[in-house]
PDB file of all heavy atoms in Angstrom:
ATOM      1  N   LEU A   1      16.225 -33.912 142.518  1.00  0.00           N
ATOM      2  CA  LEU A   1      17.399 -33.279 143.110  1.00  0.00           C
ATOM      3  C   LEU A   1      17.116 -32.738 144.500  1.00  0.00           C
ATOM      4  O   LEU A   1      18.020 -32.670 145.341  1.00  0.00           O
ATOM      5  CB  LEU A   1      17.897 -32.147 142.200  1.00  0.00           C
ATOM      6  CG  LEU A   1      18.460 -32.553 140.828  1.00  0.00           C
ATOM      7  CD1 LEU A   1      18.842 -31.311 140.041  1.00  0.00           C
ATOM      8  CD2 LEU A   1      19.651 -33.479 140.984  1.00  0.00           C
ATOM      9  N   LEU A   2      15.886 -32.349 144.757  1.00  0.00           N
ATOM     10  CA  LEU A   2      15.500 -31.806 146.066  1.00  0.00           C
ATOM     11  C   LEU A   2      15.085 -32.893 147.052  1.00  0.00           C
ATOM     12  O   LEU A   2      14.500 -32.583 148.093  1.00  0.00           O
ATOM     13  CB  LEU A   2      14.353 -30.805 145.901  1.00  0.00           C
ATOM     14  CG  LEU A   2      14.683 -29.550 145.078  1.00  0.00           C
ATOM     15  CD1 LEU A   2      13.443 -28.689 144.916  1.00  0.00           C
ATOM     16  CD2 LEU A   2      15.801 -28.758 145.740  1.00  0.00           C
ATOM     17  N   LYS A   3      15.339 -34.165 146.707  1.00  0.00           N
ATOM     18  CA  LYS A   3      15.017 -35.302 147.576  1.00  0.00           C
ATOM     19  C   LYS A   3      13.518 -35.482 147.770  1.00  0.00           C
ATOM     20  O   LYS A   3      13.075 -36.011 148.797  1.00  0.00           O
ATOM     21  CB  LYS A   3      15.694 -35.154 148.945  1.00  0.00           C
ATOM     22  CG  LYS A   3      17.195 -35.005 148.894  1.00  0.00           C
ATOM     23  CD  LYS A   3      17.869 -36.244 148.358  1.00  0.00           C
ATOM     24  CE  LYS A   3      19.386 -36.113 148.358  1.00  0.00           C
ATOM     25  NZ  LYS A   3      20.055 -37.323 147.834  1.00  0.00           N
ATOM     26  N   ALA A   4      12.706 -35.050 146.799  1.00  0.00           N
ATOM     27  CA  ALA A   4      11.251 -35.232 146.858  1.00  0.00           C
ATOM     28  C   ALA A   4      10.871 -36.305 145.841  1.00  0.00           C
ATOM     29  O   ALA A   4      10.279 -36.024 144.797  1.00  0.00           O
ATOM     30  CB  ALA A   4      10.519 -33.928 146.592  1.00  0.00           C
ATOM     31  N   GLU A   5      11.229 -37.552 146.159  1.00  0.00           N
ATOM     32  CA  GLU A   5      11.029 -38.643 145.200  1.00  0.00           C
ATOM     33  C   GLU A   5       9.557 -38.915 144.935  1.00  0.00           C
ATOM     34  O   GLU A   5       9.157 -39.196 143.803  1.00  0.00           O
ATOM     35  CB  GLU A   5      11.710 -39.909 145.715  1.00  0.00           C
ATOM     36  CG  GLU A   5      13.218 -39.809 145.860  1.00  0.00           C
ATOM     37  CD  GLU A   5      13.626 -39.299 147.217  1.00  0.00           C
ATOM     38  OE1 GLU A   5      12.715 -38.989 148.014  1.00  0.00           O
ATOM     39  OE2 GLU A   5      14.845 -39.199 147.485  1.00  0.00           O
ATOM     40  N   PHE A   6       8.757 -38.834 145.989  1.00  0.00           N
ATOM     41  CA  PHE A   6       7.328 -39.128 145.824  1.00  0.00           C
ATOM     42  C   PHE A   6       6.662 -38.130 144.894  1.00  0.00           C
ATOM     43  O   PHE A   6       5.873 -38.496 144.014  1.00  0.00           O
ATOM     44  CB  PHE A   6       6.637 -39.140 147.182  1.00  0.00           C
ATOM     45  CG  PHE A   6       5.154 -39.377 147.098  1.00  0.00           C
ATOM     46  CD1 PHE A   6       4.657 -40.652 146.916  1.00  0.00           C
ATOM     47  CD2 PHE A   6       4.257 -38.326 147.194  1.00  0.00           C
ATOM     48  CE1 PHE A   6       3.301 -40.888 146.833  1.00  0.00           C
ATOM     49  CE2 PHE A   6       2.898 -38.546 147.111  1.00  0.00           C
ATOM     50  CZ  PHE A   6       2.418 -39.830 146.928  1.00  0.00           C
ATOM     51  N   LEU A   7       6.955 -36.842 145.064  1.00  0.00           N
ATOM     52  CA  LEU A   7       6.365 -35.819 144.201  1.00  0.00           C
ATOM     53  C   LEU A   7       6.832 -35.994 142.762  1.00  0.00           C
ATOM     54  O   LEU A   7       6.053 -35.794 141.819  1.00  0.00           O
ATOM     55  CB  LEU A   7       6.733 -34.429 144.709  1.00  0.00           C
ATOM     56  CG  LEU A   7       6.133 -34.021 146.060  1.00  0.00           C
ATOM     57  CD1 LEU A   7       6.643 -32.643 146.461  1.00  0.00           C
ATOM     58  CD2 LEU A   7       4.620 -34.043 146.006  1.00  0.00           C
ATOM     59  N   ALA A   8       8.083 -36.381 142.564  1.00  0.00           N
ATOM     60  CA  ALA A   8       8.594 -36.577 141.207  1.00  0.00           C
ATOM     61  C   ALA A   8       7.882 -37.739 140.512  1.00  0.00           C
ATOM     62  O   ALA A   8       7.442 -37.618 139.364  1.00  0.00           O
ATOM     63  CB  ALA A   8      10.104 -36.831 141.265  1.00  0.00           C
ATOM     64  N   ILE A   9       7.748 -38.860 141.213  1.00  0.00           N
ATOM     65  CA  ILE A   9       7.080 -40.015 140.617  1.00  0.00           C
ATOM     66  C   ILE A   9       5.599 -39.728 140.400  1.00  0.00           C
ATOM     67  O   ILE A   9       5.011 -40.115 139.376  1.00  0.00           O
ATOM     68  CB  ILE A   9       7.279 -41.255 141.497  1.00  0.00           C
ATOM     69  CG1 ILE A   9       8.775 -41.592 141.589  1.00  0.00           C
ATOM     70  CG2 ILE A   9       6.519 -42.444 140.953  1.00  0.00           C
ATOM     71  CD1 ILE A   9       9.425 -41.886 140.269  1.00  0.00           C
ATOM     72  N   ALA A  10       4.958 -39.034 141.357  1.00  0.00           N
ATOM     73  CA  ALA A  10       3.529 -38.712 141.209  1.00  0.00           C
ATOM     74  C   ALA A  10       3.300 -37.789 140.015  1.00  0.00           C
ATOM     75  O   ALA A  10       2.300 -37.931 139.286  1.00  0.00           O
ATOM     76  CB  ALA A  10       3.005 -38.065 142.486  1.00  0.00           C
ATOM     77  N   LEU A  11       4.217 -36.851 139.788  1.00  0.00           N
ATOM     78  CA  LEU A  11       4.078 -35.943 138.638  1.00  0.00           C
ATOM     79  C   LEU A  11       4.156 -36.713 137.320  1.00  0.00           C
ATOM     80  O   LEU A  11       3.367 -36.478 136.398  1.00  0.00           O
ATOM     81  CB  LEU A  11       5.157 -34.873 138.697  1.00  0.00           C
ATOM     82  CG  LEU A  11       5.175 -33.856 137.541  1.00  0.00           C
ATOM     83  CD1 LEU A  11       3.885 -33.048 137.528  1.00  0.00           C
ATOM     84  CD2 LEU A  11       6.375 -32.947 137.638  1.00  0.00           C
ATOM     85  N   VAL A  12       5.084 -37.649 137.229  1.00  0.00           N
ATOM     86  CA  VAL A  12       5.240 -38.423 136.001  1.00  0.00           C
ATOM     87  C   VAL A  12       4.050 -39.353 135.782  1.00  0.00           C
ATOM     88  O   VAL A  12       3.508 -39.455 134.675  1.00  0.00           O
ATOM     89  CB  VAL A  12       6.563 -39.213 136.031  1.00  0.00           C
ATOM     90  CG1 VAL A  12       6.663 -40.150 134.833  1.00  0.00           C
ATOM     91  CG2 VAL A  12       7.746 -38.260 136.052  1.00  0.00           C
ATOM     92  N   LEU A  13       3.610 -40.035 136.832  1.00  0.00           N
ATOM     93  CA  LEU A  13       2.537 -41.014 136.683  1.00  0.00           C
ATOM     94  C   LEU A  13       1.183 -40.350 136.428  1.00  0.00           C
ATOM     95  O   LEU A  13       0.422 -40.773 135.557  1.00  0.00           O
ATOM     96  CB  LEU A  13       2.452 -41.902 137.931  1.00  0.00           C
ATOM     97  CG  LEU A  13       3.635 -42.839 138.175  1.00  0.00           C
ATOM     98  CD1 LEU A  13       3.423 -43.627 139.459  1.00  0.00           C
ATOM     99  CD2 LEU A  13       3.828 -43.775 137.001  1.00  0.00           C
ATOM    100  N   VAL A  14       0.888 -39.299 137.196  1.00  0.00           N
ATOM    101  CA  VAL A  14      -0.445 -38.694 137.123  1.00  0.00           C
ATOM    102  C   VAL A  14      -0.566 -37.759 135.924  1.00  0.00           C
ATOM    103  O   VAL A  14      -1.461 -37.915 135.083  1.00  0.00           O
ATOM    104  CB  VAL A  14      -0.770 -37.956 138.433  1.00  0.00           C
ATOM    105  CG1 VAL A  14      -2.112 -37.238 138.325  1.00  0.00           C
ATOM    106  CG2 VAL A  14      -0.787 -38.928 139.598  1.00  0.00           C
ATOM    107  N   TYR A  15       0.339 -36.808 135.816  1.00  0.00           N
ATOM    108  CA  TYR A  15       0.194 -35.788 134.783  1.00  0.00           C
ATOM    109  C   TYR A  15       0.691 -36.276 133.418  1.00  0.00           C
ATOM    110  O   TYR A  15      -0.022 -36.158 132.415  1.00  0.00           O
ATOM    111  CB  TYR A  15       0.943 -34.513 135.192  1.00  0.00           C
ATOM    112  CG  TYR A  15       0.219 -33.731 136.248  1.00  0.00           C
ATOM    113  CD1 TYR A  15       0.506 -33.909 137.596  1.00  0.00           C
ATOM    114  CD2 TYR A  15      -0.779 -32.825 135.902  1.00  0.00           C
ATOM    115  CE1 TYR A  15      -0.166 -33.194 138.572  1.00  0.00           C
ATOM    116  CE2 TYR A  15      -1.455 -32.107 136.877  1.00  0.00           C
ATOM    117  CZ  TYR A  15      -1.143 -32.299 138.206  1.00  0.00           C
ATOM    118  OH  TYR A  15      -1.816 -31.594 139.164  1.00  0.00           O
ATOM    119  N   VAL A  16       1.896 -36.821 133.382  1.00  0.00           N
ATOM    120  CA  VAL A  16       2.433 -37.279 132.099  1.00  0.00           C
ATOM    121  C   VAL A  16       1.748 -38.559 131.646  1.00  0.00           C
ATOM    122  O   VAL A  16       1.375 -38.708 130.477  1.00  0.00           O
ATOM    123  CB  VAL A  16       3.958 -37.484 132.198  1.00  0.00           C
ATOM    124  CG1 VAL A  16       4.513 -37.999 130.886  1.00  0.00           C
ATOM    125  CG2 VAL A  16       4.633 -36.185 132.587  1.00  0.00           C
ATOM    126  N   GLY A  17       1.548 -39.500 132.561  1.00  0.00           N
ATOM    127  CA  GLY A  17       1.008 -40.788 132.173  1.00  0.00           C
ATOM    128  C   GLY A  17      -0.487 -40.828 131.972  1.00  0.00           C
ATOM    129  O   GLY A  17      -0.987 -41.703 131.262  1.00  0.00           O
ATOM    130  N   ALA A  18      -1.234 -39.908 132.564  1.00  0.00           N
ATOM    131  CA  ALA A  18      -2.698 -39.958 132.471  1.00  0.00           C
ATOM    132  C   ALA A  18      -3.283 -38.689 131.864  1.00  0.00           C
ATOM    133  O   ALA A  18      -3.960 -38.729 130.831  1.00  0.00           O
ATOM    134  CB  ALA A  18      -3.298 -40.203 133.864  1.00  0.00           C
ATOM    135  N   VAL A  19      -3.013 -37.551 132.487  1.00  0.00           N
ATOM    136  CA  VAL A  19      -3.667 -36.310 132.075  1.00  0.00           C
ATOM    137  C   VAL A  19      -3.221 -35.892 130.677  1.00  0.00           C
ATOM    138  O   VAL A  19      -4.044 -35.574 129.810  1.00  0.00           O
ATOM    139  CB  VAL A  19      -3.388 -35.207 133.105  1.00  0.00           C
ATOM    140  CG1 VAL A  19      -3.980 -33.878 132.634  1.00  0.00           C
ATOM    141  CG2 VAL A  19      -3.952 -35.587 134.464  1.00  0.00           C
ATOM    142  N   MET A  20      -1.909 -35.902 130.415  1.00  0.00           N
ATOM    143  CA  MET A  20      -1.426 -35.432 129.133  1.00  0.00           C
ATOM    144  C   MET A  20      -1.754 -36.415 128.012  1.00  0.00           C
ATOM    145  O   MET A  20      -1.997 -36.003 126.874  1.00  0.00           O
ATOM    146  CB  MET A  20       0.082 -35.186 129.190  1.00  0.00           C
ATOM    147  CG  MET A  20       0.465 -34.010 130.068  1.00  0.00           C
ATOM    148  SD  MET A  20      -0.501 -32.518 129.732  1.00  0.00           S
ATOM    149  CE  MET A  20      -0.172 -32.259 128.007  1.00  0.00           C
ATOM    150  N   VAL A  21      -1.765 -37.715 128.315  1.00  0.00           N
ATOM    151  CA  VAL A  21      -2.171 -38.684 127.292  1.00  0.00           C
ATOM    152  C   VAL A  21      -3.630 -38.456 126.912  1.00  0.00           C
ATOM    153  O   VAL A  21      -3.998 -38.474 125.725  1.00  0.00           O
ATOM    154  CB  VAL A  21      -1.939 -40.115 127.801  1.00  0.00           C
ATOM    155  CG1 VAL A  21      -2.534 -41.128 126.831  1.00  0.00           C
ATOM    156  CG2 VAL A  21      -0.454 -40.370 127.987  1.00  0.00           C
ATOM    157  N   LEU A  22      -4.491 -38.233 127.900  1.00  0.00           N
ATOM    158  CA  LEU A  22      -5.896 -37.947 127.609  1.00  0.00           C
ATOM    159  C   LEU A  22      -6.042 -36.638 126.846  1.00  0.00           C
ATOM    160  O   LEU A  22      -6.840 -36.538 125.900  1.00  0.00           O
ATOM    161  CB  LEU A  22      -6.685 -37.890 128.918  1.00  0.00           C
ATOM    162  CG  LEU A  22      -8.179 -37.559 128.806  1.00  0.00           C
ATOM    163  CD1 LEU A  22      -8.904 -38.615 127.993  1.00  0.00           C
ATOM    164  CD2 LEU A  22      -8.797 -37.441 130.195  1.00  0.00           C
ATOM    165  N   PHE A  23      -5.269 -35.629 127.211  1.00  0.00           N
ATOM    166  CA  PHE A  23      -5.339 -34.336 126.520  1.00  0.00           C
ATOM    167  C   PHE A  23      -4.911 -34.474 125.067  1.00  0.00           C
ATOM    168  O   PHE A  23      -5.553 -33.925 124.155  1.00  0.00           O
ATOM    169  CB  PHE A  23      -4.457 -33.321 127.253  1.00  0.00           C
ATOM    170  CG  PHE A  23      -4.525 -31.941 126.678  1.00  0.00           C
ATOM    171  CD1 PHE A  23      -5.611 -31.125 126.918  1.00  0.00           C
ATOM    172  CD2 PHE A  23      -3.508 -31.449 125.879  1.00  0.00           C
ATOM    173  CE1 PHE A  23      -5.684 -29.851 126.374  1.00  0.00           C
ATOM    174  CE2 PHE A  23      -3.567 -30.187 125.334  1.00  0.00           C
ATOM    175  CZ  PHE A  23      -4.658 -29.386 125.583  1.00  0.00           C
ATOM    176  N   LEU A  24      -3.831 -35.207 124.827  1.00  0.00           N
ATOM    177  CA  LEU A  24      -3.384 -35.422 123.451  1.00  0.00           C
ATOM    178  C   LEU A  24      -4.420 -36.204 122.649  1.00  0.00           C
ATOM    179  O   LEU A  24      -4.669 -35.907 121.475  1.00  0.00           O
ATOM    180  CB  LEU A  24      -2.057 -36.184 123.453  1.00  0.00           C
ATOM    181  CG  LEU A  24      -0.797 -35.359 123.718  1.00  0.00           C
ATOM    182  CD1 LEU A  24       0.409 -36.278 123.834  1.00  0.00           C
ATOM    183  CD2 LEU A  24      -0.583 -34.332 122.629  1.00  0.00           C
ATOM    184  N   PHE A  25      -5.042 -37.192 123.270  1.00  0.00           N
ATOM    185  CA  PHE A  25      -6.067 -37.970 122.577  1.00  0.00           C
ATOM    186  C   PHE A  25      -7.246 -37.084 122.185  1.00  0.00           C
ATOM    187  O   PHE A  25      -7.754 -37.158 121.065  1.00  0.00           O
ATOM    188  CB  PHE A  25      -6.529 -39.103 123.482  1.00  0.00           C
ATOM    189  CG  PHE A  25      -7.620 -39.948 122.890  1.00  0.00           C
ATOM    190  CD1 PHE A  25      -7.335 -40.903 121.923  1.00  0.00           C
ATOM    191  CD2 PHE A  25      -8.940 -39.795 123.287  1.00  0.00           C
ATOM    192  CE1 PHE A  25      -8.339 -41.676 121.373  1.00  0.00           C
ATOM    193  CE2 PHE A  25      -9.948 -40.560 122.747  1.00  0.00           C
ATOM    194  CZ  PHE A  25      -9.643 -41.507 121.780  1.00  0.00           C
TER     195      PHE A  25
END
């Protein structure tokens, strides 16, 4: 919503897609 598309995609890819998957594992 704040027009920060790069930060939004980076948050999903890095934290949700990598860090949190590793943490759950």
